[in-house]
Each structure stands twice: as structure tokens, then as C-alpha cells.
């Protein structure tokens, strides 16, 4: 059985240290987020990312999302960060905004697509525990703890895996999802809304007037 840590009762620093230790050891962990329980692992540990996809039942070629601590990490991961991207990340990160970028050539990760896509979807989560973990790790591969195509896991009783497959599970009780993240595509010459979500188009347009819908 995986170790379980209740974030409501455990000292935050101890919980964060436990998460970091497991992530650095190449384990996949389960943690709460704004949208439900998720899998997390070191984005640069290939076996850990592969295990994440196996747990979800993902098809070949599916890439995990990446969480980072803040926008200062972007230049090491993506090709370009335009003035519009700087403005939108300053306004909406941390938060429910996901952005798809063209990746820097030569990155030694495999998020599940073998590097074939040449893109990565990145977010800075707005969750106290995740933010503390990310302060002390590099980029983390992230994916819903639900099986692929299924609704988010809000109750750990619905976790569809053997707990022995996980390094540690961080519990926050039964979660309430805030909805869906808003997704912006930044791989072209102009920023484009790929999916509407919690952040509305008019909010984004107030920061990026030329945003394509």
C-alpha cells in the first residue's frame, strides 16, 4: 500500500519534503489540485513519466502536461516568450490557464510523445501544496488521476489503481473542481484560445486584444 498523508492534519513542510523525496526518487505521486486529484512526477525521469501514462491507460503518443513554479522557468523550456505571453502569464499565473508552447530543441524529456509533437502544455497551479512542492523541484509531469477519457477524480475512493503502484498519496478529502482550465495555443504567430474554461475570453482579451478565438 502507498503511504497516505492527510494534508489537513500533517505539517505542510513534512508533506512537501515527502513529496520531493518521492519525486526525486523517480516515483509517481497522487496529489490534489484545483481540478481534482492528479498524478505528478519528475518531467525528466522517463520511467516515471511512462508509469504515469500506464496508470492512466493512455494511448501511445499522449503527452503529459507540465507544471512549473512560475514563468521565469519558461525560457529554458520553450522557444519564445512574446510580450503578450509575458503579460498573460503575469496576470493569470498561478491559476487555471494552460498554454501550449513550442519546446526548446534538445530537451532530454519524453512526456509520452517521444518528442514528436514538438510542443508542451504548461501551467502554474494555484494550490498551496503544489506551489510549495514546485518551489523545490524542477518541472513536473502532471495528468489527471482518472483513467483517460474519464471524469476527474474528486474522491480518492474512486482512484482506479492499485495503491502499491504509487509512491505516496496526499489526501485533501473530497475535492470540488473549479471547472476546466482555459487553454491558449502559443505555437503559431498569434495567440489563440484552444479551449474555453474558467478564465473567460473577455478577461484574456483585456490583456491580449489581438487574441484569436
N, C-alpha and C. Protein backbone atom coordinates (compact mmCIF):
# COMPACT_ATOMS: atom_id res chain seq x y z
N UNK A 1 0.84 -1.21 0.00
CA UNK A 1 0.00 0.00 0.00
C UNK A 1 0.87 1.25 0.00
N UNK A 2 0.42 2.26 -0.72
CA UNK A 2 1.15 3.52 -0.73
C UNK A 2 1.00 4.24 0.61
N UNK A 3 1.99 5.00 0.95
CA UNK A 3 1.88 5.87 2.12
C UNK A 3 0.81 6.92 1.84
N UNK A 4 0.00 7.21 2.83
CA UNK A 4 -1.03 8.26 2.70
C UNK A 4 -0.72 9.38 3.68
N UNK A 5 -0.80 10.59 3.20
CA UNK A 5 -0.60 11.76 4.05
C UNK A 5 -1.81 12.67 3.91
N UNK A 6 -2.42 13.00 5.05
CA UNK A 6 -3.58 13.87 5.08
C UNK A 6 -3.08 15.31 5.20
N UNK A 7 -3.30 16.10 4.17
CA UNK A 7 -2.80 17.47 4.17
C UNK A 7 -3.54 18.36 5.16
N UNK A 8 -4.68 17.91 5.64
CA UNK A 8 -5.43 18.69 6.64
C UNK A 8 -4.81 18.58 8.02
N UNK A 9 -4.05 17.51 8.26
CA UNK A 9 -3.51 17.29 9.60
C UNK A 9 -1.99 17.27 9.63
N UNK A 10 -1.35 16.94 8.53
CA UNK A 10 0.11 16.84 8.50
C UNK A 10 0.74 18.23 8.39
N UNK A 11 1.87 18.41 9.03
CA UNK A 11 2.64 19.65 8.88
C UNK A 11 3.01 19.83 7.41
N UNK A 12 2.79 21.03 6.88
CA UNK A 12 2.99 21.26 5.44
C UNK A 12 4.43 20.97 5.03
N UNK A 13 5.39 21.39 5.83
CA UNK A 13 6.79 21.20 5.46
C UNK A 13 7.15 19.73 5.39
N UNK A 14 6.58 18.92 6.28
CA UNK A 14 6.84 17.48 6.25
C UNK A 14 6.21 16.86 5.01
N UNK A 15 4.98 17.27 4.68
CA UNK A 15 4.31 16.76 3.48
C UNK A 15 5.09 17.12 2.23
N UNK A 16 5.55 18.37 2.15
CA UNK A 16 6.31 18.82 0.99
C UNK A 16 7.62 18.04 0.87
N UNK A 17 8.32 17.86 1.97
CA UNK A 17 9.58 17.11 1.95
C UNK A 17 9.35 15.67 1.48
N UNK A 18 8.25 15.08 1.91
CA UNK A 18 7.92 13.71 1.49
C UNK A 18 7.66 13.65 -0.01
N UNK A 19 6.92 14.63 -0.51
CA UNK A 19 6.64 14.68 -1.95
C UNK A 19 7.92 14.83 -2.75
N UNK A 20 8.78 15.73 -2.33
CA UNK A 20 10.03 15.97 -3.04
C UNK A 20 10.91 14.73 -3.04
N UNK A 21 10.99 14.06 -1.90
CA UNK A 21 11.80 12.86 -1.79
C UNK A 21 11.33 11.77 -2.75
N UNK A 22 10.02 11.59 -2.83
CA UNK A 22 9.47 10.58 -3.74
C UNK A 22 9.65 10.97 -5.20
N UNK A 23 9.44 12.23 -5.50
CA UNK A 23 9.62 12.69 -6.88
C UNK A 23 11.06 12.54 -7.32
N UNK A 24 11.99 12.93 -6.46
CA UNK A 24 13.42 12.80 -6.79
C UNK A 24 13.84 11.35 -6.95
N UNK A 25 13.12 10.45 -6.28
CA UNK A 25 13.43 9.02 -6.37
C UNK A 25 12.80 8.38 -7.61
N UNK A 26 12.10 9.16 -8.40
CA UNK A 26 11.50 8.63 -9.62
C UNK A 26 10.13 8.02 -9.43
N UNK A 27 9.48 8.33 -8.31
CA UNK A 27 8.15 7.80 -8.05
C UNK A 27 7.08 8.71 -8.65
N UNK A 28 5.91 8.12 -8.90
CA UNK A 28 4.70 8.89 -9.23
C UNK A 28 3.93 9.08 -7.93
N UNK A 29 3.47 10.30 -7.70
CA UNK A 29 2.66 10.57 -6.52
C UNK A 29 1.27 11.02 -6.94
N UNK A 30 0.34 10.94 -5.99
CA UNK A 30 -1.01 11.47 -6.20
C UNK A 30 -1.17 12.68 -5.29
N UNK A 31 -1.70 13.76 -5.84
CA UNK A 31 -1.86 14.99 -5.07
C UNK A 31 -3.13 15.72 -5.51
N UNK A 32 -3.68 16.54 -4.65
CA UNK A 32 -4.86 17.33 -5.03
C UNK A 32 -4.46 18.54 -5.87
N UNK A 33 -5.39 18.97 -6.72
CA UNK A 33 -5.21 20.19 -7.50
C UNK A 33 -6.54 20.93 -7.53
N UNK A 34 -6.57 22.03 -8.25
CA UNK A 34 -7.82 22.80 -8.36
C UNK A 34 -8.90 22.05 -9.12
N UNK A 35 -8.51 21.02 -9.88
CA UNK A 35 -9.46 20.34 -10.76
C UNK A 35 -9.72 18.89 -10.35
N UNK A 36 -9.07 18.42 -9.31
CA UNK A 36 -9.22 17.04 -8.89
C UNK A 36 -7.87 16.45 -8.55
N UNK A 37 -7.86 15.18 -8.20
CA UNK A 37 -6.59 14.51 -7.89
C UNK A 37 -5.81 14.23 -9.17
N UNK A 38 -4.51 14.37 -9.06
CA UNK A 38 -3.64 14.25 -10.23
C UNK A 38 -2.44 13.36 -9.90
N UNK A 39 -1.81 12.84 -10.96
CA UNK A 39 -0.52 12.20 -10.86
C UNK A 39 0.56 13.25 -11.13
N UNK A 40 1.66 13.14 -10.39
CA UNK A 40 2.80 14.04 -10.58
C UNK A 40 4.08 13.22 -10.55
N UNK A 41 5.05 13.62 -11.38
CA UNK A 41 6.38 13.02 -11.32
C UNK A 41 7.37 13.97 -11.98
N UNK A 42 8.64 13.67 -11.80
CA UNK A 42 9.70 14.46 -12.42
C UNK A 42 9.58 14.36 -13.94
N UNK A 43 9.45 15.51 -14.60
CA UNK A 43 9.24 15.51 -16.06
C UNK A 43 10.44 14.96 -16.82
N UNK A 44 11.61 14.90 -16.18
CA UNK A 44 12.81 14.45 -16.88
C UNK A 44 13.19 13.01 -16.55
N UNK A 45 12.39 12.33 -15.72
CA UNK A 45 12.63 10.92 -15.43
C UNK A 45 11.70 10.08 -16.32
N UNK A 46 12.28 9.51 -17.37
CA UNK A 46 11.49 8.84 -18.41
C UNK A 46 10.65 7.70 -17.85
N UNK A 47 11.21 6.90 -16.97
CA UNK A 47 10.46 5.76 -16.43
C UNK A 47 9.26 6.23 -15.61
N UNK A 48 9.43 7.33 -14.88
CA UNK A 48 8.33 7.85 -14.07
C UNK A 48 7.20 8.36 -14.97
N UNK A 49 7.55 9.08 -16.02
CA UNK A 49 6.52 9.59 -16.94
C UNK A 49 5.82 8.43 -17.64
N UNK A 50 6.58 7.41 -18.01
CA UNK A 50 5.98 6.22 -18.63
C UNK A 50 5.00 5.56 -17.67
N UNK A 51 5.38 5.46 -16.39
CA UNK A 51 4.49 4.87 -15.39
C UNK A 51 3.22 5.68 -15.23
N UNK A 52 3.34 7.00 -15.27
CA UNK A 52 2.17 7.88 -15.19
C UNK A 52 1.18 7.55 -16.31
N UNK A 53 1.68 7.38 -17.52
CA UNK A 53 0.80 7.08 -18.65
C UNK A 53 0.18 5.69 -18.54
N UNK A 54 0.95 4.74 -18.03
CA UNK A 54 0.41 3.38 -17.84
C UNK A 54 -0.72 3.41 -16.82
N UNK A 55 -0.55 4.14 -15.74
CA UNK A 55 -1.59 4.25 -14.71
C UNK A 55 -2.88 4.81 -15.28
N UNK A 56 -2.77 5.73 -16.21
CA UNK A 56 -3.95 6.36 -16.82
C UNK A 56 -4.54 5.53 -17.96
N UNK A 57 -3.77 4.60 -18.49
CA UNK A 57 -4.23 3.85 -19.66
C UNK A 57 -4.15 4.66 -20.93
N UNK A 58 -3.20 5.58 -21.01
CA UNK A 58 -3.07 6.44 -22.18
C UNK A 58 -2.58 5.66 -23.40
N UNK A 59 -3.04 6.10 -24.54
CA UNK A 59 -2.53 5.55 -25.80
C UNK A 59 -1.13 6.09 -26.07
N UNK A 60 -0.39 5.42 -26.94
CA UNK A 60 0.93 5.92 -27.34
C UNK A 60 0.80 7.30 -27.96
N UNK A 61 1.75 8.16 -27.66
CA UNK A 61 1.77 9.48 -28.27
C UNK A 61 1.09 10.56 -27.48
N UNK A 62 0.46 10.21 -26.35
CA UNK A 62 -0.19 11.21 -25.50
C UNK A 62 0.87 11.86 -24.61
N UNK A 63 0.93 13.17 -24.63
CA UNK A 63 1.92 13.90 -23.83
C UNK A 63 1.31 14.40 -22.53
N UNK A 64 2.06 14.28 -21.46
CA UNK A 64 1.62 14.82 -20.18
C UNK A 64 1.75 16.33 -20.18
N UNK A 65 0.95 16.97 -19.35
CA UNK A 65 1.10 18.40 -19.11
C UNK A 65 2.31 18.60 -18.20
N UNK A 66 2.82 19.82 -18.17
CA UNK A 66 3.94 20.14 -17.28
C UNK A 66 3.56 21.29 -16.36
N UNK A 67 3.86 21.11 -15.07
CA UNK A 67 3.70 22.16 -14.08
C UNK A 67 5.06 22.78 -13.80
N UNK A 68 5.09 24.10 -13.67
CA UNK A 68 6.31 24.80 -13.29
C UNK A 68 5.98 25.76 -12.14
N UNK A 69 7.02 26.26 -11.47
CA UNK A 69 6.79 27.11 -10.30
C UNK A 69 6.37 28.53 -10.67
N UNK A 70 6.88 29.05 -11.78
CA UNK A 70 6.49 30.38 -12.26
C UNK A 70 7.03 30.59 -13.67
N UNK A 71 6.69 31.73 -14.25
CA UNK A 71 7.03 31.99 -15.65
C UNK A 71 8.53 32.16 -15.89
N UNK A 72 9.30 32.38 -14.83
CA UNK A 72 10.75 32.55 -15.02
C UNK A 72 11.41 31.29 -15.56
N UNK A 73 10.73 30.14 -15.43
CA UNK A 73 11.27 28.86 -15.89
C UNK A 73 11.11 28.71 -17.40
N UNK A 74 10.18 29.45 -18.00
CA UNK A 74 9.82 29.24 -19.41
C UNK A 74 10.99 29.31 -20.39
N UNK A 75 11.88 30.30 -20.31
CA UNK A 75 12.95 30.39 -21.32
C UNK A 75 13.79 29.13 -21.47
N UNK A 76 13.91 28.33 -20.41
CA UNK A 76 14.68 27.10 -20.50
C UNK A 76 13.92 25.94 -21.12
N UNK A 77 12.62 26.13 -21.32
CA UNK A 77 11.77 25.04 -21.80
C UNK A 77 11.17 25.29 -23.17
N UNK A 78 10.91 26.56 -23.50
CA UNK A 78 10.16 26.87 -24.72
C UNK A 78 10.96 27.80 -25.62
N UNK A 79 10.59 27.81 -26.90
CA UNK A 79 11.36 28.57 -27.89
C UNK A 79 11.26 30.07 -27.70
N UNK A 80 10.03 30.56 -27.54
CA UNK A 80 9.85 32.01 -27.44
C UNK A 80 8.80 32.35 -26.40
N UNK A 81 9.03 33.47 -25.73
CA UNK A 81 8.04 34.03 -24.80
C UNK A 81 7.82 35.49 -25.22
N UNK A 82 6.73 35.70 -25.96
CA UNK A 82 6.45 37.02 -26.50
C UNK A 82 6.01 37.98 -25.40
N UNK A 83 5.91 39.26 -25.76
CA UNK A 83 5.42 40.26 -24.82
C UNK A 83 3.99 39.94 -24.38
N UNK A 84 3.18 39.45 -25.32
CA UNK A 84 1.80 39.08 -24.98
C UNK A 84 1.78 37.94 -23.98
N UNK A 85 2.67 36.95 -24.16
CA UNK A 85 2.74 35.83 -23.23
C UNK A 85 3.22 36.28 -21.86
N UNK A 86 4.17 37.17 -21.83
CA UNK A 86 4.63 37.72 -20.55
C UNK A 86 3.49 38.41 -19.83
N UNK A 87 2.67 39.15 -20.57
CA UNK A 87 1.56 39.87 -19.96
C UNK A 87 0.50 38.92 -19.43
N UNK A 88 0.18 37.89 -20.21
CA UNK A 88 -0.90 36.99 -19.81
C UNK A 88 -0.47 36.08 -18.66
N UNK A 89 0.79 35.68 -18.64
CA UNK A 89 1.25 34.84 -17.52
C UNK A 89 1.37 35.66 -16.25
N UNK A 90 1.75 36.91 -16.38
CA UNK A 90 1.83 37.77 -15.19
C UNK A 90 0.44 37.98 -14.58
N UNK A 91 -0.57 38.05 -15.44
CA UNK A 91 -1.94 38.29 -14.98
C UNK A 91 -2.60 37.02 -14.43
N UNK A 92 -2.39 35.89 -15.08
CA UNK A 92 -3.20 34.70 -14.79
C UNK A 92 -2.44 33.52 -14.18
N UNK A 93 -1.15 33.64 -13.98
CA UNK A 93 -0.39 32.58 -13.30
C UNK A 93 0.02 33.05 -11.92
N UNK A 94 -0.08 32.22 -10.90
CA UNK A 94 -0.66 30.87 -10.92
C UNK A 94 -2.16 30.93 -11.12
N UNK A 95 -2.70 29.87 -11.72
CA UNK A 95 -4.14 29.84 -11.97
C UNK A 95 -4.52 28.86 -13.04
N UNK A 96 -5.81 28.89 -13.43
CA UNK A 96 -6.36 27.90 -14.35
C UNK A 96 -6.13 28.23 -15.83
N UNK A 97 -4.94 28.68 -16.16
CA UNK A 97 -4.58 28.98 -17.55
C UNK A 97 -3.47 28.04 -17.98
N UNK A 98 -3.74 27.25 -19.02
CA UNK A 98 -2.74 26.35 -19.61
C UNK A 98 -2.32 26.92 -20.96
N UNK A 99 -1.04 26.87 -21.25
CA UNK A 99 -0.53 27.43 -22.51
C UNK A 99 0.31 26.37 -23.22
N UNK A 100 0.04 26.18 -24.50
CA UNK A 100 0.81 25.24 -25.31
C UNK A 100 1.89 26.00 -26.07
N UNK A 101 3.13 25.60 -25.86
CA UNK A 101 4.31 26.25 -26.46
C UNK A 101 5.05 25.29 -27.38
N UNK A 102 5.85 25.86 -28.28
CA UNK A 102 6.87 25.09 -28.98
C UNK A 102 8.05 24.91 -28.03
N UNK A 103 8.55 23.68 -27.92
CA UNK A 103 9.60 23.41 -26.94
C UNK A 103 10.98 23.78 -27.47
N UNK A 104 11.88 24.02 -26.53
CA UNK A 104 13.29 24.22 -26.86
C UNK A 104 13.84 22.93 -27.44
N UNK A 105 14.61 23.00 -28.53
CA UNK A 105 15.24 21.78 -29.07
C UNK A 105 16.22 21.19 -28.06
N UNK A 106 16.31 19.88 -28.04
CA UNK A 106 17.32 19.22 -27.24
C UNK A 106 16.95 18.92 -25.81
N UNK A 107 15.72 19.22 -25.40
CA UNK A 107 15.31 18.89 -24.04
C UNK A 107 15.34 17.37 -23.86
N UNK A 108 15.82 16.93 -22.71
CA UNK A 108 16.03 15.49 -22.50
C UNK A 108 14.82 14.81 -21.87
N UNK A 109 13.64 15.34 -22.08
CA UNK A 109 12.45 14.68 -21.54
C UNK A 109 11.69 13.95 -22.63
N UNK A 110 10.84 13.04 -22.21
CA UNK A 110 9.88 12.38 -23.09
C UNK A 110 8.57 12.36 -22.33
N UNK A 111 7.68 13.28 -22.68
CA UNK A 111 6.42 13.43 -21.95
C UNK A 111 5.37 12.40 -22.37
N UNK A 112 5.76 11.51 -23.30
CA UNK A 112 4.85 10.47 -23.76
C UNK A 112 4.70 10.44 -25.27
N UNK A 113 5.17 11.50 -25.92
CA UNK A 113 5.05 11.59 -27.37
C UNK A 113 6.37 11.34 -28.08
N UNK A 114 7.41 10.99 -27.32
CA UNK A 114 8.72 10.76 -27.92
C UNK A 114 9.31 12.00 -28.56
N UNK A 115 8.79 13.18 -28.17
CA UNK A 115 9.28 14.42 -28.73
C UNK A 115 8.73 14.74 -30.10
N UNK A 116 7.84 13.90 -30.60
CA UNK A 116 7.34 14.07 -31.97
C UNK A 116 6.46 15.31 -32.12
N UNK A 117 5.74 15.67 -31.07
CA UNK A 117 4.84 16.81 -31.18
C UNK A 117 5.58 18.14 -31.24
N UNK A 118 6.71 18.20 -30.57
CA UNK A 118 7.48 19.45 -30.55
C UNK A 118 6.83 20.55 -29.75
N UNK A 119 5.82 20.18 -28.96
CA UNK A 119 5.10 21.17 -28.15
C UNK A 119 4.94 20.66 -26.72
N UNK A 120 4.60 21.56 -25.83
CA UNK A 120 4.33 21.19 -24.45
C UNK A 120 3.26 22.13 -23.89
N UNK A 121 2.35 21.56 -23.11
CA UNK A 121 1.33 22.36 -22.44
C UNK A 121 1.77 22.59 -21.01
N UNK A 122 1.83 23.85 -20.60
CA UNK A 122 2.40 24.23 -19.32
C UNK A 122 1.40 25.04 -18.50
N UNK A 123 1.43 24.80 -17.18
CA UNK A 123 0.59 25.58 -16.27
C UNK A 123 1.33 25.78 -14.96
N UNK A 124 1.00 26.88 -14.27
CA UNK A 124 1.45 27.13 -12.91
C UNK A 124 0.22 26.96 -12.02
N UNK A 125 0.15 25.87 -11.25
CA UNK A 125 -1.06 25.61 -10.46
C UNK A 125 -1.22 26.59 -9.30
N UNK A 126 -2.46 26.85 -8.94
CA UNK A 126 -2.76 27.74 -7.82
C UNK A 126 -3.30 26.90 -6.67
N UNK A 127 -2.42 26.08 -6.12
CA UNK A 127 -2.78 25.22 -5.00
C UNK A 127 -1.61 25.25 -4.02
N UNK A 128 -1.87 25.53 -2.77
CA UNK A 128 -0.81 25.78 -1.79
C UNK A 128 0.22 24.67 -1.74
N UNK A 129 -0.23 23.43 -1.64
CA UNK A 129 0.69 22.30 -1.55
C UNK A 129 1.53 22.18 -2.82
N UNK A 130 0.89 22.26 -3.98
CA UNK A 130 1.63 22.12 -5.24
C UNK A 130 2.64 23.25 -5.42
N UNK A 131 2.26 24.45 -5.04
CA UNK A 131 3.18 25.58 -5.17
C UNK A 131 4.42 25.38 -4.29
N UNK A 132 4.23 24.86 -3.10
CA UNK A 132 5.37 24.62 -2.21
C UNK A 132 6.26 23.51 -2.76
N UNK A 133 5.66 22.47 -3.32
CA UNK A 133 6.45 21.40 -3.92
C UNK A 133 7.26 21.92 -5.09
N UNK A 134 6.62 22.70 -5.96
CA UNK A 134 7.29 23.19 -7.17
C UNK A 134 8.40 24.19 -6.87
N UNK A 135 8.37 24.82 -5.71
CA UNK A 135 9.47 25.71 -5.33
C UNK A 135 10.78 24.93 -5.18
N UNK A 136 10.67 23.63 -4.97
CA UNK A 136 11.83 22.82 -4.62
C UNK A 136 12.09 21.69 -5.62
N UNK A 137 11.44 21.72 -6.75
CA UNK A 137 11.66 20.72 -7.80
C UNK A 137 11.84 21.43 -9.13
N UNK A 138 12.21 20.66 -10.14
CA UNK A 138 12.16 21.17 -11.49
C UNK A 138 10.75 20.99 -12.04
N UNK A 139 10.58 21.10 -13.34
CA UNK A 139 9.27 20.89 -13.96
C UNK A 139 8.73 19.50 -13.65
N UNK A 140 7.42 19.43 -13.40
CA UNK A 140 6.78 18.16 -13.08
C UNK A 140 5.78 17.78 -14.16
N UNK A 141 5.82 16.52 -14.59
CA UNK A 141 4.79 16.00 -15.47
C UNK A 141 3.53 15.80 -14.65
N UNK A 142 2.39 16.19 -15.21
CA UNK A 142 1.13 16.14 -14.48
C UNK A 142 0.03 15.61 -15.37
N UNK A 143 -0.88 14.86 -14.78
CA UNK A 143 -2.05 14.34 -15.51
C UNK A 143 -3.12 13.97 -14.50
N UNK A 144 -4.36 14.04 -14.93
CA UNK A 144 -5.47 13.64 -14.07
C UNK A 144 -5.28 12.20 -13.60
N UNK A 145 -5.64 11.94 -12.36
CA UNK A 145 -5.55 10.58 -11.83
C UNK A 145 -6.69 9.69 -12.34
N UNK A 146 -7.58 10.25 -13.11
CA UNK A 146 -8.63 9.45 -13.73
C UNK A 146 -8.07 8.67 -14.91
N UNK A 147 -8.71 7.56 -15.25
CA UNK A 147 -8.36 6.87 -16.49
C UNK A 147 -8.63 7.79 -17.66
N UNK A 148 -7.86 7.64 -18.72
CA UNK A 148 -8.00 8.53 -19.86
C UNK A 148 -9.45 8.58 -20.36
N UNK A 149 -9.93 9.79 -20.59
CA UNK A 149 -11.28 9.98 -21.09
C UNK A 149 -12.36 10.00 -20.02
N UNK A 150 -12.00 9.75 -18.76
CA UNK A 150 -12.98 9.71 -17.68
C UNK A 150 -12.98 11.03 -16.91
N UNK A 151 -14.04 11.24 -16.11
CA UNK A 151 -14.17 12.45 -15.32
C UNK A 151 -13.08 12.51 -14.24
N UNK A 152 -12.76 13.72 -13.81
CA UNK A 152 -11.74 13.93 -12.79
C UNK A 152 -12.07 13.16 -11.51
N UNK A 153 -11.03 12.73 -10.83
CA UNK A 153 -11.18 12.04 -9.55
C UNK A 153 -11.25 13.08 -8.43
N UNK A 154 -12.40 13.19 -7.80
CA UNK A 154 -12.58 14.13 -6.70
C UNK A 154 -12.54 13.45 -5.34
N UNK A 155 -12.70 12.12 -5.33
CA UNK A 155 -12.71 11.32 -4.11
C UNK A 155 -11.70 10.19 -4.29
N UNK A 156 -10.75 10.09 -3.38
CA UNK A 156 -9.71 9.05 -3.52
C UNK A 156 -10.28 7.64 -3.48
N UNK A 157 -11.50 7.50 -2.99
CA UNK A 157 -12.14 6.18 -3.01
C UNK A 157 -12.37 5.71 -4.44
N UNK A 158 -12.35 6.64 -5.38
CA UNK A 158 -12.57 6.31 -6.79
C UNK A 158 -11.27 6.14 -7.57
N UNK A 159 -10.14 6.21 -6.88
CA UNK A 159 -8.85 6.09 -7.56
C UNK A 159 -8.75 4.72 -8.24
N UNK A 160 -8.58 4.68 -9.58
CA UNK A 160 -8.70 3.41 -10.31
C UNK A 160 -7.39 2.63 -10.45
N UNK A 161 -6.62 2.55 -9.36
CA UNK A 161 -5.31 1.88 -9.44
C UNK A 161 -5.08 1.07 -8.16
N UNK A 162 -4.06 0.23 -8.22
CA UNK A 162 -3.56 -0.39 -7.00
C UNK A 162 -2.64 0.63 -6.32
N UNK A 163 -2.86 0.88 -5.05
CA UNK A 163 -2.07 1.90 -4.37
C UNK A 163 -0.59 1.52 -4.31
N UNK A 164 -0.28 0.26 -4.47
CA UNK A 164 1.12 -0.16 -4.47
C UNK A 164 1.89 0.38 -5.68
N UNK A 165 1.16 0.87 -6.68
CA UNK A 165 1.80 1.43 -7.87
C UNK A 165 2.26 2.87 -7.68
N UNK A 166 1.93 3.45 -6.52
CA UNK A 166 2.18 4.87 -6.26
C UNK A 166 3.15 5.01 -5.09
N UNK A 167 4.01 6.03 -5.15
CA UNK A 167 4.94 6.26 -4.06
C UNK A 167 4.23 6.75 -2.81
N UNK A 168 3.41 7.77 -2.94
CA UNK A 168 2.69 8.34 -1.80
C UNK A 168 1.45 9.06 -2.31
N UNK A 169 0.41 9.04 -1.51
CA UNK A 169 -0.85 9.70 -1.86
C UNK A 169 -1.10 10.81 -0.85
N UNK A 170 -1.32 12.02 -1.35
CA UNK A 170 -1.62 13.16 -0.50
C UNK A 170 -3.12 13.45 -0.57
N UNK A 171 -3.77 13.34 0.57
CA UNK A 171 -5.23 13.46 0.61
C UNK A 171 -5.66 14.84 1.10
N UNK A 172 -6.70 15.33 0.48
CA UNK A 172 -7.33 16.57 0.93
C UNK A 172 -8.84 16.38 1.01
N UNK A 173 -9.24 15.13 1.28
CA UNK A 173 -10.66 14.82 1.37
C UNK A 173 -11.33 14.80 0.02
N UNK A 174 -12.62 15.02 0.01
CA UNK A 174 -13.38 15.08 -1.25
C UNK A 174 -13.26 16.48 -1.82
N UNK A 175 -12.76 16.57 -3.02
CA UNK A 175 -12.48 17.86 -3.65
C UNK A 175 -13.70 18.40 -4.39
N UNK A 176 -13.66 19.69 -4.65
CA UNK A 176 -14.63 20.34 -5.53
C UNK A 176 -13.85 20.96 -6.68
N UNK A 177 -14.14 20.54 -7.90
CA UNK A 177 -13.43 21.08 -9.05
C UNK A 177 -13.92 22.48 -9.38
N UNK A 178 -12.99 23.36 -9.77
CA UNK A 178 -13.39 24.72 -10.15
C UNK A 178 -13.87 24.79 -11.59
N UNK A 179 -13.78 23.68 -12.31
CA UNK A 179 -14.24 23.67 -13.71
C UNK A 179 -13.15 23.13 -14.62
N UNK A 180 -12.89 23.81 -15.72
CA UNK A 180 -11.83 23.41 -16.65
C UNK A 180 -10.86 24.57 -16.82
N UNK A 181 -9.61 24.21 -17.05
CA UNK A 181 -8.64 25.27 -17.34
C UNK A 181 -8.90 25.85 -18.72
N UNK A 182 -8.58 27.10 -18.89
CA UNK A 182 -8.60 27.73 -20.20
C UNK A 182 -7.27 27.45 -20.89
N UNK A 183 -7.32 27.06 -22.15
CA UNK A 183 -6.10 26.67 -22.87
C UNK A 183 -5.83 27.64 -24.01
N UNK A 184 -4.63 28.18 -24.03
CA UNK A 184 -4.18 29.06 -25.11
C UNK A 184 -3.11 28.33 -25.92
N UNK A 185 -3.21 28.43 -27.24
CA UNK A 185 -2.21 27.88 -28.14
C UNK A 185 -1.25 28.99 -28.54
N UNK A 186 0.02 28.84 -28.15
CA UNK A 186 1.03 29.85 -28.46
C UNK A 186 2.06 29.32 -29.46
N UNK A 187 1.68 28.30 -30.24
CA UNK A 187 2.63 27.68 -31.16
C UNK A 187 2.67 28.37 -32.52
N UNK A 188 1.70 29.23 -32.79
CA UNK A 188 1.66 29.93 -34.07
C UNK A 188 2.14 31.37 -33.94
N UNK A 189 1.84 32.16 -34.96
CA UNK A 189 2.28 33.55 -34.95
C UNK A 189 1.39 34.43 -34.08
N UNK A 190 0.20 33.95 -33.76
CA UNK A 190 -0.71 34.70 -32.91
C UNK A 190 -1.31 33.78 -31.85
N UNK A 191 -1.51 34.31 -30.66
CA UNK A 191 -2.10 33.51 -29.59
C UNK A 191 -3.55 33.20 -29.91
N UNK A 192 -3.95 31.97 -29.62
CA UNK A 192 -5.30 31.53 -29.96
C UNK A 192 -5.90 30.74 -28.79
N UNK A 193 -7.17 30.97 -28.51
CA UNK A 193 -7.86 30.19 -27.49
C UNK A 193 -8.15 28.81 -28.03
N UNK A 194 -7.62 27.79 -27.38
CA UNK A 194 -7.83 26.41 -27.80
C UNK A 194 -9.03 25.80 -27.09
N UNK A 195 -9.23 26.20 -25.83
CA UNK A 195 -10.37 25.71 -25.06
C UNK A 195 -10.81 26.77 -24.07
N UNK A 196 -12.11 27.07 -24.07
CA UNK A 196 -12.64 28.00 -23.09
C UNK A 196 -12.78 27.29 -21.75
N UNK A 197 -12.57 28.02 -20.68
CA UNK A 197 -12.66 27.43 -19.36
C UNK A 197 -12.98 28.47 -18.31
N UNK A 198 -12.37 28.31 -17.15
CA UNK A 198 -12.67 29.18 -16.01
C UNK A 198 -12.37 30.64 -16.33
N UNK A 199 -11.27 30.89 -17.02
CA UNK A 199 -10.93 32.26 -17.42
C UNK A 199 -11.65 32.56 -18.72
N UNK A 200 -12.49 33.57 -18.71
CA UNK A 200 -13.32 33.87 -19.87
C UNK A 200 -12.54 34.64 -20.93
N UNK A 201 -13.03 34.57 -22.16
CA UNK A 201 -12.37 35.22 -23.29
C UNK A 201 -12.22 36.71 -23.08
N UNK A 202 -13.24 37.32 -22.52
CA UNK A 202 -13.17 38.78 -22.32
C UNK A 202 -12.08 39.16 -21.33
N UNK A 203 -11.81 38.29 -20.36
CA UNK A 203 -10.73 38.56 -19.42
C UNK A 203 -9.39 38.49 -20.12
N UNK A 204 -9.22 37.49 -20.96
CA UNK A 204 -7.98 37.34 -21.71
C UNK A 204 -7.79 38.47 -22.72
N UNK A 205 -8.89 38.86 -23.37
CA UNK A 205 -8.83 39.91 -24.39
C UNK A 205 -8.48 41.26 -23.79
N UNK A 206 -8.77 41.44 -22.50
CA UNK A 206 -8.41 42.71 -21.86
C UNK A 206 -6.90 42.83 -21.71
N UNK A 207 -6.20 41.69 -21.75
CA UNK A 207 -4.75 41.68 -21.65
C UNK A 207 -4.11 41.51 -23.04
N UNK A 208 -4.76 40.70 -23.89
CA UNK A 208 -4.26 40.44 -25.24
C UNK A 208 -5.37 40.81 -26.24
N UNK A 209 -5.44 42.05 -26.68
CA UNK A 209 -6.52 42.48 -27.57
C UNK A 209 -6.60 41.72 -28.88
N UNK A 210 -5.45 41.23 -29.38
CA UNK A 210 -5.44 40.54 -30.70
C UNK A 210 -5.55 39.01 -30.55
N UNK A 211 -6.02 38.55 -29.41
CA UNK A 211 -6.18 37.10 -29.19
C UNK A 211 -7.22 36.52 -30.14
N UNK A 212 -6.90 35.41 -30.78
CA UNK A 212 -7.82 34.75 -31.69
C UNK A 212 -8.73 33.81 -30.92
N UNK A 213 -9.99 33.81 -31.26
CA UNK A 213 -10.97 32.95 -30.58
C UNK A 213 -11.33 31.76 -31.48
